[in-house]
C-alpha atoms as a PDB file:
ATOM      1  CA  MET A   1       2.757  -2.949  42.842  1.00  0.00           C
ATOM      2  CA  ASP A   2       3.924   0.185  41.288  1.00  0.00           C
ATOM      3  CA  PHE A   3       6.943   2.164  42.960  1.00  0.00           C
ATOM      4  CA  SER A   4       9.076   5.224  42.098  1.00  0.00           C
ATOM      5  CA  VAL A   5      12.658   6.035  43.254  1.00  0.00           C
ATOM      6  CA  THR A   6      13.257   9.755  43.164  1.00  0.00           C
ATOM      7  CA  TYR A   7      16.761  11.276  43.284  1.00  0.00           C
ATOM      8  CA  ILE A   8      16.807  14.786  44.643  1.00  0.00           C
ATOM      9  CA  PHE A   9      19.542  17.155  43.306  1.00  0.00           C
ATOM     10  CA  PRO A  10      20.065  20.731  43.874  1.00  0.00           C
ATOM     11  CA  THR A  11      18.661  21.763  40.637  1.00  0.00           C
ATOM     12  CA  ASN A  12      15.051  21.689  39.325  1.00  0.00           C
ATOM     13  CA  ARG A  13      15.594  18.385  37.353  1.00  0.00           C
ATOM     14  CA  THR A  14      13.753  15.316  38.954  1.00  0.00           C
ATOM     15  CA  PHE A  15      14.891  11.628  37.749  1.00  0.00           C
ATOM     16  CA  ASP A  16      11.885   9.354  38.044  1.00  0.00           C
ATOM     17  CA  LEU A  17      12.353   5.550  37.958  1.00  0.00           C
ATOM     18  CA  GLN A  18       9.011   3.669  37.615  1.00  0.00           C
ATOM     19  CA  ARG A  19       8.050   0.489  36.361  1.00  0.00           C
ATOM     20  CA  LYS A  20      11.941   0.027  35.295  1.00  0.00           C
ATOM     21  CA  SER A  21      11.805   2.998  33.099  1.00  0.00           C
ATOM     22  CA  ALA A  22      13.475   6.298  33.587  1.00  0.00           C
ATOM     23  CA  ARG A  23      12.570   9.689  32.429  1.00  0.00           C
ATOM     24  CA  ILE A  24      13.317  13.340  33.346  1.00  0.00           C
ATOM     25  CA  LEU A  25      10.716  15.718  34.957  1.00  0.00           C
ATOM     26  CA  ASP A  26      11.040  19.483  34.765  1.00  0.00           C
ATOM     27  CA  THR A  27       9.624  20.693  38.194  1.00  0.00           C
ATOM     28  CA  GLN A  28       9.143  24.087  39.696  1.00  0.00           C
ATOM     29  CA  PRO A  29       9.357  24.066  43.413  1.00  0.00           C
ATOM     30  CA  GLY A  30       5.849  25.256  44.952  1.00  0.00           C
ATOM     31  CA  LEU A  31       3.981  25.507  41.819  1.00  0.00           C
ATOM     32  CA  GLY A  32       2.461  22.087  41.477  1.00  0.00           C
ATOM     33  CA  TYR A  33       3.128  18.602  41.657  1.00  0.00           C
ATOM     34  CA  SER A  34       4.937  15.827  39.540  1.00  0.00           C
ATOM     35  CA  ARG A  35       3.852  12.179  39.656  1.00  0.00           C
ATOM     36  CA  SER A  36       6.770  11.313  41.716  1.00  0.00           C
ATOM     37  CA  GLN A  37       6.284  14.019  44.398  1.00  0.00           C
ATOM     38  CA  THR A  38       5.684  12.719  47.850  1.00  0.00           C
ATOM     39  CA  ARG A  39       3.566  14.229  50.703  1.00  0.00           C
ATOM     40  CA  PRO A  40       4.181  14.041  54.381  1.00  0.00           C
ATOM     41  CA  GLU A  41       3.053  10.917  55.997  1.00  0.00           C
ATOM     42  CA  SER A  42       0.467  12.890  58.230  1.00  0.00           C
ATOM     43  CA  GLN A  43      -1.023  14.158  54.778  1.00  0.00           C
ATOM     44  CA  ASN A  44      -1.064  10.989  52.915  1.00  0.00           C
ATOM     45  CA  PRO A  45      -1.510   7.912  55.421  1.00  0.00           C
ATOM     46  CA  ASP A  46      -1.653   5.361  52.369  1.00  0.00           C
ATOM     47  CA  THR A  47       1.625   6.235  51.239  1.00  0.00           C
ATOM     48  CA  LEU A  48       4.943   5.214  52.889  1.00  0.00           C
ATOM     49  CA  ALA A  49       7.754   7.696  52.230  1.00  0.00           C
ATOM     50  CA  LEU A  50      11.420   6.832  53.270  1.00  0.00           C
ATOM     51  CA  HIS A  51      13.807   9.457  53.053  1.00  0.00           C
ATOM     52  CA  SER A  52      17.624   8.651  53.359  1.00  0.00           C
ATOM     53  CA  SER A  53      20.520  11.240  53.844  1.00  0.00           C
ATOM     54  CA  LEU A  54      21.452  10.350  50.191  1.00  0.00           C
ATOM     55  CA  GLY A  55      18.215  12.138  49.012  1.00  0.00           C
ATOM     56  CA  ILE A  56      16.519   9.276  47.706  1.00  0.00           C
ATOM     57  CA  HIS A  57      12.773   9.014  48.184  1.00  0.00           C
ATOM     58  CA  LEU A  58      11.253   5.431  48.072  1.00  0.00           C
ATOM     59  CA  THR A  59       7.574   5.653  47.644  1.00  0.00           C
ATOM     60  CA  ILE A  60       5.205   2.717  47.934  1.00  0.00           C
ATOM     61  CA  PRO A  61       2.764   2.656  46.233  1.00  0.00           C
ATOM     62  CA  VAL A  62       2.458   5.441  43.493  1.00  0.00           C
ATOM     63  CA  VAL A  63      -0.692   7.419  44.139  1.00  0.00           C
ATOM     64  CA  LYS A  64      -2.949   6.705  41.183  1.00  0.00           C
ATOM     65  CA  PRO A  65      -5.838   9.034  40.297  1.00  0.00           C
ATOM     66  CA  ILE A  66      -9.358   7.980  41.230  1.00  0.00           C
ATOM     67  CA  TYR A  67     -12.480   9.645  39.796  1.00  0.00           C
ATOM     68  CA  SER A  68     -15.240   9.080  42.505  1.00  0.00           C
ATOM     69  CA  VAL A  69     -15.518   8.416  46.087  1.00  0.00           C
ATOM     70  CA  LEU A  70     -19.189   8.280  46.306  1.00  0.00           C
ATOM     71  CA  THR A  71     -21.360   5.166  45.286  1.00  0.00           C
ATOM     72  CA  ARG A  72     -22.820   4.531  41.890  1.00  0.00           C
ATOM     73  CA  VAL A  73     -26.360   4.749  43.561  1.00  0.00           C
ATOM     74  CA  GLN A  74     -25.632   8.211  45.133  1.00  0.00           C
ATOM     75  CA  VAL A  75     -24.125   9.624  41.777  1.00  0.00           C
ATOM     76  CA  ALA A  76     -27.034   8.291  39.675  1.00  0.00           C
ATOM     77  CA  SER A  77     -29.468   9.860  42.274  1.00  0.00           C
ATOM     78  CA  LEU A  78     -27.765  13.194  42.419  1.00  0.00           C
ATOM     79  CA  LEU A  79     -27.715  13.284  38.680  1.00  0.00           C
ATOM     80  CA  ARG A  80     -31.461  12.747  38.446  1.00  0.00           C
ATOM     81  CA  PHE A  81     -31.840  16.036  40.488  1.00  0.00           C
ATOM     82  CA  TYR A  82     -31.591  17.562  37.054  1.00  0.00           C
ATOM     83  CA  ASP A  83     -34.572  16.081  35.653  1.00  0.00           C
ATOM     84  CA  LEU A  84     -37.846  17.897  35.908  1.00  0.00           C
ATOM     85  CA  PRO A  85     -41.550  16.761  35.148  1.00  0.00           C
ATOM     86  CA  HIS A  86     -42.239  17.458  31.311  1.00  0.00           C
ATOM     87  CA  PRO A  87     -44.292  20.821  30.975  1.00  0.00           C
ATOM     88  CA  ASN A  88     -46.161  19.316  28.086  1.00  0.00           C
ATOM     89  CA  ARG A  89     -46.287  15.737  28.588  1.00  0.00           C
ATOM     90  CA  PRO A  90     -47.731  14.551  31.890  1.00  0.00           C
ATOM     91  CA  GLY A  91     -46.107  11.537  33.225  1.00  0.00           C
ATOM     92  CA  HIS A  92     -42.903  12.219  31.334  1.00  0.00           C
ATOM     93  CA  LEU A  93     -39.703  13.654  32.541  1.00  0.00           C
ATOM     94  CA  LEU A  94     -37.701  16.447  30.983  1.00  0.00           C
ATOM     95  CA  THR A  95     -34.101  14.941  31.277  1.00  0.00           C
ATOM     96  CA  GLY A  96     -31.738  17.342  32.491  1.00  0.00           C
ATOM     97  CA  TYR A  97     -29.264  18.318  29.500  1.00  0.00           C
ATOM     98  CA  ASP A  98     -26.265  18.948  31.627  1.00  0.00           C
ATOM     99  CA  LYS A  99     -25.997  15.546  33.295  1.00  0.00           C
ATOM    100  CA  PRO A 100     -23.149  14.135  31.106  1.00  0.00           C
ATOM    101  CA  HIS A 101     -20.983  17.322  31.506  1.00  0.00           C
ATOM    102  CA  ALA A 102     -21.636  17.372  35.198  1.00  0.00           C
ATOM    103  CA  LEU A 103     -20.405  13.636  35.374  1.00  0.00           C
ATOM    104  CA  ARG A 104     -17.410  14.093  33.546  1.00  0.00           C
ATOM    105  CA  THR A 105     -16.475  17.449  35.371  1.00  0.00           C
ATOM    106  CA  SER A 106     -16.781  15.777  38.757  1.00  0.00           C
ATOM    107  CA  LYS A 107     -14.539  12.714  37.731  1.00  0.00           C
ATOM    108  CA  MET A 108     -11.648  15.202  36.719  1.00  0.00           C
ATOM    109  CA  CYS A 109     -12.409  17.206  39.830  1.00  0.00           C
ATOM    110  CA  VAL A 110     -11.929  14.313  42.235  1.00  0.00           C
ATOM    111  CA  ALA A 111      -8.881  13.228  40.732  1.00  0.00           C
ATOM    112  CA  VAL A 112      -7.186  16.672  40.979  1.00  0.00           C
ATOM    113  CA  ALA A 113      -8.542  17.248  44.399  1.00  0.00           C
ATOM    114  CA  ARG A 114      -6.813  13.859  45.470  1.00  0.00           C
ATOM    115  CA  GLN A 115      -3.661  14.628  44.049  1.00  0.00           C
ATOM    116  CA  LEU A 116      -3.499  17.857  45.812  1.00  0.00           C
ATOM    117  CA  GLY A 117      -3.975  15.983  49.164  1.00  0.00           C
ATOM    118  CA  HIS A 118      -7.575  16.805  50.182  1.00  0.00           C
ATOM    119  CA  PRO A 119      -9.043  14.221  52.696  1.00  0.00           C
ATOM    120  CA  ASN A 120     -11.742  11.584  51.703  1.00  0.00           C
ATOM    121  CA  GLN A 121     -14.667  13.001  53.654  1.00  0.00           C
ATOM    122  CA  ARG A 122     -14.067  16.369  52.029  1.00  0.00           C
ATOM    123  CA  LEU A 123     -13.769  14.705  48.636  1.00  0.00           C
ATOM    124  CA  GLN A 124     -17.224  13.222  49.190  1.00  0.00           C
ATOM    125  CA  GLN A 125     -18.621  16.649  49.674  1.00  0.00           C
ATOM    126  CA  PHE A 126     -16.892  17.963  46.792  1.00  0.00           C
ATOM    127  CA  GLU A 127     -17.783  15.361  44.408  1.00  0.00           C
ATOM    128  CA  THR A 128     -21.466  16.179  45.498  1.00  0.00           C
ATOM    129  CA  ALA A 129     -21.043  19.848  44.682  1.00  0.00           C
ATOM    130  CA  CYS A 130     -19.245  19.261  41.263  1.00  0.00           C
ATOM    131  CA  LEU A 131     -22.087  16.733  40.328  1.00  0.00           C
ATOM    132  CA  LEU A 132     -24.628  19.545  41.005  1.00  0.00           C
ATOM    133  CA  HIS A 133     -22.623  22.396  39.910  1.00  0.00           C
ATOM    134  CA  ASP A 134     -25.092  23.290  36.973  1.00  0.00           C
ATOM    135  CA  ILE A 135     -28.185  22.736  38.852  1.00  0.00           C
ATOM    136  CA  GLY A 136     -28.810  26.588  38.611  1.00  0.00           C
ATOM    137  CA  ARG A 137     -29.683  25.660  35.057  1.00  0.00           C
ATOM    138  CA  VAL A 138     -32.220  22.966  35.611  1.00  0.00           C
ATOM    139  CA  GLY A 139     -34.940  22.991  33.168  1.00  0.00           C
ATOM    140  CA  LEU A 140     -32.606  24.159  30.501  1.00  0.00           C
ATOM    141  CA  ARG A 141     -33.717  23.922  26.836  1.00  0.00           C
ATOM    142  CA  PRO A 142     -30.653  24.068  24.766  1.00  0.00           C
ATOM    143  CA  THR A 143     -32.299  25.241  21.577  1.00  0.00           C
ATOM    144  CA  LEU A 144     -33.425  28.410  23.329  1.00  0.00           C
ATOM    145  CA  PHE A 145     -30.331  28.816  25.381  1.00  0.00           C
ATOM    146  CA  GLY A 146     -28.096  28.438  22.327  1.00  0.00           C
ATOM    147  CA  LYS A 147     -30.303  31.117  20.306  1.00  0.00           C
ATOM    148  CA  ILE A 148     -29.800  33.495  23.064  1.00  0.00           C
ATOM    149  CA  TRP A 149     -26.297  33.287  23.630  1.00  0.00           C
ATOM    150  CA  THR A 150     -24.815  32.260  20.544  1.00  0.00           C
ATOM    151  CA  TRP A 151     -26.387  35.592  19.227  1.00  0.00           C
ATOM    152  CA  ALA A 152     -24.921  37.392  22.187  1.00  0.00           C
ATOM    153  CA  LYS A 153     -21.646  36.017  21.813  1.00  0.00           C
ATOM    154  CA  LYS A 154     -21.254  37.189  18.050  1.00  0.00           C
ATOM    155  CA  GLN A 155     -22.461  40.683  19.219  1.00  0.00           C
ATOM    156  CA  ASP A 156     -19.614  40.731  21.862  1.00  0.00           C
ATOM    157  CA  ILE A 157     -22.107  41.305  24.566  1.00  0.00           C
ATOM    158  CA  PRO A 158     -20.958  40.153  28.030  1.00  0.00           C
ATOM    159  CA  THR A 159     -22.298  36.649  28.913  1.00  0.00           C
ATOM    160  CA  ARG A 160     -21.011  36.234  32.528  1.00  0.00           C
ATOM    161  CA  PRO A 161     -21.963  38.453  35.462  1.00  0.00           C
ATOM    162  CA  ARG A 162     -18.276  39.519  36.200  1.00  0.00           C
ATOM    163  CA  GLU A 163     -17.916  40.550  32.660  1.00  0.00           C
ATOM    164  CA  TRP A 164     -21.100  42.394  32.454  1.00  0.00           C
ATOM    165  CA  ARG A 165     -19.908  44.408  35.496  1.00  0.00           C
ATOM    166  CA  ALA A 166     -16.630  45.154  34.024  1.00  0.00           C
ATOM    167  CA  ARG A 167     -18.396  46.539  30.959  1.00  0.00           C
ATOM    168  CA  TYR A 168     -21.241  48.193  32.775  1.00  0.00           C
ATOM    169  CA  PRO A 169     -19.928  49.133  36.313  1.00  0.00           C
ATOM    170  CA  ASP A 170     -23.080  51.030  37.116  1.00  0.00           C
ATOM    171  CA  THR A 171     -25.274  48.131  36.913  1.00  0.00           C
ATOM    172  CA  PRO A 172     -26.656  47.269  40.406  1.00  0.00           C
ATOM    173  CA  TYR A 173     -25.016  43.964  41.817  1.00  0.00           C
ATOM    174  CA  GLY A 174     -27.277  41.166  41.026  1.00  0.00           C
ATOM    175  CA  LYS A 175     -29.197  42.856  38.385  1.00  0.00           C
ATOM    176  CA  GLU A 176     -27.203  41.859  35.399  1.00  0.00           C
ATOM    177  CA  SER A 177     -30.246  40.055  33.587  1.00  0.00           C
ATOM    178  CA  GLN A 178     -32.494  43.043  34.069  1.00  0.00           C
ATOM    179  CA  ALA A 179     -29.801  45.445  32.510  1.00  0.00           C
ATOM    180  CA  PHE A 180     -29.255  42.779  29.843  1.00  0.00           C
ATOM    181  CA  ILE A 181     -32.865  42.929  28.905  1.00  0.00           C
ATOM    182  CA  ARG A 182     -33.157  46.682  29.334  1.00  0.00           C
ATOM    183  CA  LEU A 183     -30.377  47.377  26.752  1.00  0.00           C
ATOM    184  CA  HIS A 184     -31.283  44.673  24.204  1.00  0.00           C
ATOM    185  CA  LYS A 185     -34.901  44.243  24.361  1.00  0.00           C
ATOM    186  CA  ALA A 186     -35.443  45.460  20.806  1.00  0.00           C
ATOM    187  CA  ASP A 187     -32.415  43.194  19.726  1.00  0.00           C
ATOM    188  CA  LEU A 188     -34.056  40.116  21.036  1.00  0.00           C
ATOM    189  CA  LEU A 189     -37.266  40.879  19.359  1.00  0.00           C
ATOM    190  CA  GLU A 190     -35.479  41.221  16.079  1.00  0.00           C
ATOM    191  CA  GLN A 191     -34.122  37.514  16.791  1.00  0.00           C
ATOM    192  CA  GLY A 192     -37.760  36.346  17.261  1.00  0.00           C
ATOM    193  CA  LEU A 193     -37.129  36.090  20.952  1.00  0.00           C
ATOM    194  CA  THR A 194     -40.318  37.620  22.758  1.00  0.00           C
ATOM    195  CA  LEU A 195     -39.633  38.193  26.471  1.00  0.00           C
ATOM    196  CA  SER A 196     -41.618  35.483  27.817  1.00  0.00           C
ATOM    197  CA  PRO A 197     -40.957  34.098  31.206  1.00  0.00           C
ATOM    198  CA  GLU A 198     -39.128  31.234  29.794  1.00  0.00           C
ATOM    199  CA  VAL A 199     -36.912  33.588  27.693  1.00  0.00           C
ATOM    200  CA  LYS A 200     -36.099  35.506  30.959  1.00  0.00           C
ATOM    201  CA  ASP A 201     -35.383  32.350  32.888  1.00  0.00           C
ATOM    202  CA  HIS A 202     -32.831  31.406  30.208  1.00  0.00           C
ATOM    203  CA  ILE A 203     -31.177  34.660  30.517  1.00  0.00           C
ATOM    204  CA  ASP A 204     -31.027  34.137  34.250  1.00  0.00           C
ATOM    205  CA  MET A 205     -29.389  30.752  33.685  1.00  0.00           C
ATOM    206  CA  ARG A 206     -26.182  32.806  32.857  1.00  0.00           C
ATOM    207  CA  LEU A 207     -26.405  36.331  34.078  1.00  0.00           C
ATOM    208  CA  GLY A 208     -28.642  35.626  36.982  1.00  0.00           C
ATOM    209  CA  PHE A 209     -27.167  32.269  37.842  1.00  0.00           C
ATOM    210  CA  ALA A 210     -26.723  32.976  41.650  1.00  0.00           C
ATOM    211  CA  LYS A 211     -30.416  33.810  41.915  1.00  0.00           C
ATOM    212  CA  ARG A 212     -31.429  30.595  40.231  1.00  0.00           C
ATOM    213  CA  LEU A 213     -29.011  28.428  42.326  1.00  0.00           C
ATOM    214  CA  ARG A 214     -30.362  30.188  45.399  1.00  0.00           C
ATOM    215  CA  ARG A 215     -33.808  29.002  44.565  1.00  0.00           C
ATOM    216  CA  GLN A 216     -32.887  25.464  43.839  1.00  0.00           C
ATOM    217  CA  LEU A 217     -30.505  24.489  46.728  1.00  0.00           C
ATOM    218  CA  PRO A 218     -32.965  24.718  49.654  1.00  0.00           C
ATOM    219  CA  LEU A 219     -35.108  22.190  47.576  1.00  0.00           C
ATOM    220  CA  LEU A 220     -32.456  19.706  47.414  1.00  0.00           C
ATOM    221  CA  GLN A 221     -30.517  19.627  50.727  1.00  0.00           C
ATOM    222  CA  PHE A 222     -32.969  17.364  52.345  1.00  0.00           C
ATOM    223  CA  ARG A 223     -32.811  14.804  49.319  1.00  0.00           C
ATOM    224  CA  ILE A 224     -29.051  14.955  49.477  1.00  0.00           C
ATOM    225  CA  GLN A 225     -29.017  14.061  53.182  1.00  0.00           C
ATOM    226  CA  GLY A 226     -31.387  11.212  52.245  1.00  0.00           C
ATOM    227  CA  LEU A 227     -28.552   9.789  50.224  1.00  0.00           C
ATOM    228  CA  GLY A 228     -26.360   9.566  53.132  1.00  0.00           C
ATOM    229  CA  LEU A 229     -24.390  12.615  52.197  1.00  0.00           C
ATOM    230  CA  SER A 230     -23.811  15.912  54.066  1.00  0.00           C
ATOM    231  CA  TRP A 231     -24.551  19.371  52.749  1.00  0.00           C
ATOM    232  CA  VAL A 232     -22.353  22.415  54.042  1.00  0.00           C
ATOM    233  CA  PRO A 233     -22.550  26.087  52.976  1.00  0.00           C
ATOM    234  CA  TRP A 234     -19.228  26.147  51.099  1.00  0.00           C
ATOM    235  CA  MET A 235     -20.290  23.361  48.726  1.00  0.00           C
ATOM    236  CA  GLY A 236     -22.941  26.090  47.216  1.00  0.00           C
ATOM    237  CA  GLN A 237     -20.121  28.605  47.354  1.00  0.00           C
ATOM    238  CA  ILE A 238     -17.790  26.908  45.071  1.00  0.00           C
ATOM    239  CA  MET A 239     -20.531  26.321  42.307  1.00  0.00           C
ATOM    240  CA  LEU A 240     -20.758  30.274  42.200  1.00  0.00           C
ATOM    241  CA  TYR A 241     -17.015  30.986  41.773  1.00  0.00           C
ATOM    242  CA  TYR A 242     -16.599  31.087  38.134  1.00  0.00           C
ATOM    243  CA  TYR A 243     -19.351  33.808  37.625  1.00  0.00           C
ATOM    244  CA  TYR A 244     -18.857  35.414  40.790  1.00  0.00           C
ATOM    245  CA  PRO A 245     -15.206  35.089  42.099  1.00  0.00           C
ATOM    246  CA  GLU A 246     -15.641  38.054  44.439  1.00  0.00           C
ATOM    247  CA  LYS A 247     -18.022  35.734  46.633  1.00  0.00           C
ATOM    248  CA  LEU A 248     -14.946  33.619  47.692  1.00  0.00           C
ATOM    249  CA  LYS A 249     -12.587  36.378  48.430  1.00  0.00           C
ATOM    250  CA  LYS A 250     -12.778  35.562  52.286  1.00  0.00           C
ATOM    251  CA  ALA A 251     -12.963  31.745  51.912  1.00  0.00           C
ATOM    252  CA  ARG A 252     -10.625  29.555  53.539  1.00  0.00           C
ATOM    253  CA  PRO A 253      -7.638  28.690  51.266  1.00  0.00           C
ATOM    254  CA  TRP A 254      -8.772  24.917  50.789  1.00  0.00           C
ATOM    255  CA  VAL A 255     -12.267  25.932  49.926  1.00  0.00           C
ATOM    256  CA  HIS A 256     -10.863  28.526  47.288  1.00  0.00           C
ATOM    257  CA  GLN A 257      -8.602  25.769  45.964  1.00  0.00           C
ATOM    258  CA  LEU A 258     -11.638  23.392  45.490  1.00  0.00           C
ATOM    259  CA  ALA A 259     -13.538  26.142  43.786  1.00  0.00           C
ATOM    260  CA  GLU A 260     -10.464  26.708  41.501  1.00  0.00           C
ATOM    261  CA  ILE A 261     -10.318  22.941  40.574  1.00  0.00           C
ATOM    262  CA  LEU A 262     -14.221  23.057  39.502  1.00  0.00           C
ATOM    263  CA  VAL A 263     -13.724  25.940  37.525  1.00  0.00           C
ATOM    264  CA  GLY A 264     -10.671  24.183  35.608  1.00  0.00           C
ATOM    265  CA  CYS A 265     -12.037  20.925  35.188  1.00  0.00           C
ATOM    266  CA  GLU A 266     -15.489  22.312  34.245  1.00  0.00           C
ATOM    267  CA  GLN A 267     -13.906  24.568  31.513  1.00  0.00           C
ATOM    268  CA  LEU A 268     -11.772  21.817  30.230  1.00  0.00           C
ATOM    269  CA  GLU A 269     -14.723  19.402  29.550  1.00  0.00           C
ATOM    270  CA  ALA A 270     -16.879  22.464  28.220  1.00  0.00           C
ATOM    271  CA  TYR A 271     -14.266  23.410  25.666  1.00  0.00           C
ATOM    272  CA  SER A 272     -13.939  19.843  24.651  1.00  0.00           C
ATOM    273  CA  ASN A 273     -17.616  18.986  24.635  1.00  0.00           C
ATOM    274  CA  GLN A 274     -18.832  18.590  21.151  1.00  0.00           C
ATOM    275  CA  ARG A 275     -22.545  18.387  21.869  1.00  0.00           C
ATOM    276  CA  ARG A 276     -22.554  21.189  24.175  1.00  0.00           C
ATOM    277  CA  GLY A 277     -20.446  23.476  22.080  1.00  0.00           C
ATOM    278  CA  LYS A 278     -22.779  23.036  19.067  1.00  0.00           C
ATOM    279  CA  ASP A 279     -25.948  23.485  20.949  1.00  0.00           C
ATOM    280  CA  TYR A 280     -24.934  26.386  23.168  1.00  0.00           C
ATOM    281  CA  TYR A 281     -22.485  28.353  20.955  1.00  0.00           C
ATOM    282  CA  GLY A 282     -22.917  27.132  17.582  1.00  0.00           C
ATOM    283  CA  ARG A 283     -19.282  25.855  17.710  1.00  0.00           C
ATOM    284  CA  GLN A 284     -18.019  23.715  14.457  1.00  0.00           C
ATOM    285  CA  GLY A 285     -15.334  22.211  16.254  1.00  0.00           C
ATOM    286  CA  GLU A 286     -13.285  21.430  19.638  1.00  0.00           C
ATOM    287  CA  SER A 287      -9.656  22.585  20.120  1.00  0.00           C
ATOM    288  CA  PHE A 288      -7.411  21.177  23.006  1.00  0.00           C
ATOM    289  CA  PRO A 289      -5.033  24.242  22.261  1.00  0.00           C
ATOM    290  CA  ALA A 290      -7.782  26.529  22.739  1.00  0.00           C
ATOM    291  CA  ALA A 291      -8.995  24.918  25.927  1.00  0.00           C
ATOM    292  CA  PHE A 292      -5.718  24.757  27.588  1.00  0.00           C
ATOM    293  CA  SER A 293      -5.031  28.428  26.402  1.00  0.00           C
ATOM    294  CA  TYR A 294      -8.136  29.362  28.218  1.00  0.00           C
ATOM    295  CA  LEU A 295      -7.324  27.785  31.334  1.00  0.00           C
ATOM    296  CA  ARG A 296      -3.871  29.690  31.180  1.00  0.00           C
ATOM    297  CA  SER A 297      -5.780  32.829  30.702  1.00  0.00           C
ATOM    298  CA  LEU A 298      -7.702  32.054  33.892  1.00  0.00           C
ATOM    299  CA  THR A 299      -4.381  31.939  35.761  1.00  0.00           C
ATOM    300  CA  GLN A 300      -3.530  35.144  34.442  1.00  0.00           C
ATOM    301  CA  GLU A 301      -6.744  36.539  35.555  1.00  0.00           C
ATOM    302  CA  GLY A 302      -6.169  35.204  39.000  1.00  0.00           C
ATOM    303  CA  ILE A 303      -9.262  32.854  38.762  1.00  0.00           C
ATOM    304  CA  LEU A 304      -6.983  29.562  38.783  1.00  0.00           C
ATOM    305  CA  SER A 305      -3.740  29.261  40.768  1.00  0.00           C
ATOM    306  CA  LEU A 306      -0.656  27.936  39.034  1.00  0.00           C
ATOM    307  CA  GLN A 307      -0.771  24.870  41.411  1.00  0.00           C
ATOM    308  CA  VAL A 308      -4.269  23.919  40.157  1.00  0.00           C
ATOM    309  CA  PHE A 309      -3.610  24.675  36.368  1.00  0.00           C
ATOM    310  CA  GLN A 310      -0.502  22.498  36.798  1.00  0.00           C
ATOM    311  CA  SER A 311      -2.262  19.555  38.386  1.00  0.00           C
ATOM    312  CA  ILE A 312      -4.808  19.621  35.604  1.00  0.00           C
ATOM    313  CA  VAL A 313      -1.984  19.509  33.191  1.00  0.00           C
ATOM    314  CA  HIS A 314      -0.095  16.817  34.298  1.00  0.00           C
ATOM    315  CA  LEU A 315      -3.039  14.531  34.822  1.00  0.00           C
ATOM    316  CA  ALA A 316      -4.057  15.357  31.288  1.00  0.00           C
ATOM    317  CA  LYS A 317      -0.511  14.703  29.991  1.00  0.00           C
ATOM    318  CA  ASP A 318      -0.121  11.504  31.764  1.00  0.00           C
ATOM    319  CA  GLY A 319      -3.287  10.215  29.860  1.00  0.00           C
ATOM    320  CA  HIS A 320      -5.563  10.209  33.226  1.00  0.00           C
ATOM    321  CA  PHE A 321      -8.231  12.194  31.553  1.00  0.00           C
ATOM    322  CA  THR A 322      -8.099  10.771  28.134  1.00  0.00           C
ATOM    323  CA  THR A 323     -11.115   8.656  28.143  1.00  0.00           C
ATOM    324  CA  ILE A 324     -13.158  11.464  29.792  1.00  0.00           C
ATOM    325  CA  LEU A 325     -12.015  13.841  27.099  1.00  0.00           C
ATOM    326  CA  ARG A 326     -12.856  11.418  24.237  1.00  0.00           C
ATOM    327  CA  GLN A 327     -16.218  10.896  25.753  1.00  0.00           C
ATOM    328  CA  SER A 328     -16.698  14.752  25.670  1.00  0.00           C
ATOM    329  CA  ARG A 329     -15.689  14.633  22.049  1.00  0.00           C
ATOM    330  CA  GLY A 330     -18.267  12.129  21.276  1.00  0.00           C
ATOM    331  CA  GLY A 331     -15.693   9.927  19.387  1.00  0.00           C
ATOM    332  CA  ASP A 332     -12.000   9.070  19.254  1.00  0.00           C
ATOM    333  CA  LEU A 333      -9.262  11.616  19.627  1.00  0.00           C
ATOM    334  CA  THR A 334      -7.339  12.332  16.545  1.00  0.00           C
ATOM    335  CA  ALA A 335      -3.561  11.551  16.377  1.00  0.00           C
ATOM    336  CA  ALA A 336      -2.915  15.263  16.715  1.00  0.00           C
ATOM    337  CA  ASP A 337      -5.036  15.481  19.798  1.00  0.00           C
ATOM    338  CA  LYS A 338      -2.973  12.711  21.523  1.00  0.00           C
ATOM    339  CA  ARG A 339       0.123  14.311  20.611  1.00  0.00           C
ATOM    340  CA  PHE A 340      -0.948  17.650  21.920  1.00  0.00           C
ATOM    341  CA  LEU A 341      -2.009  16.063  25.213  1.00  0.00           C
ATOM    342  CA  ARG A 342       1.407  14.354  25.607  1.00  0.00           C
ATOM    343  CA  SER A 343       3.251  17.395  24.652  1.00  0.00           C
ATOM    344  CA  LEU A 344       1.556  19.623  27.616  1.00  0.00           C
ATOM    345  CA  ILE A 345       3.727  21.880  29.685  1.00  0.00           C
ATOM    346  CA  ALA A 346       2.451  23.627  32.817  1.00  0.00           C
END
């Protein structure tokens, strides 16, 4: 069994002894966690914490990350919600493009949320929401989606609702897609993109994500309950946080934190996803420095808290996300990649 002995001193230095090896961890009170940090017994009934007057904390066992609290059948069934009947091939399915991305994202999300002390029942609901977080893009054709948004990105056109409203504050709320089409109709035609219902639908997949998600969720709630899982409103709210952070301004703190975890893990996977990067944005390569730099920028924007950012960093640094990130890359990580992850500082 793993154990850790933590000596607490007045400074911000923590000495961690685990598996007969010692190391020094820099900690910042109130800004996250280190692997040796203990939680009150009432918050973590699986952990026995002994506190002595000498300032020695003995914790048995060390909490290890878990990546799923749902059954394999439940996970596989939820991911099948991304599949649709093929429009041109009767009897065939159009396999959901975002399923691997959603699965890897949810694994990281559960690990972070558990480390931050969220209870198991909430983790089940959270994992369900994370697995379905891109269901607003069901029916996506990566070639068409990539053609629209790679062009828009190269032209420095806002591609997210909050960015569009920042650039064009007079746009009526929820009408970002229509404004995009009105301003860039001629440009789209020059790119060979006639404004068919399918093209408009793929524009909505980014600038009208809330509208598409709102159409999908009522169709799925009964099926979710049929898997023995519950559905509550906050699960849909956290799916909107990245594009519409204003929708969670009045959310309970723990709901807001789960939304932050989803955004942080989803963006880490997306920045590491070789196939998605190439198909969506014409990206030629993935970079962990770019990924973590972007996550840090989200803390500066107030989208991620330092606590969530540091939790993601610590789990990545300690190797708990290495397999997931290697799968995102579609191959082995380079020696430079591994060195960078080991050198992460929150």
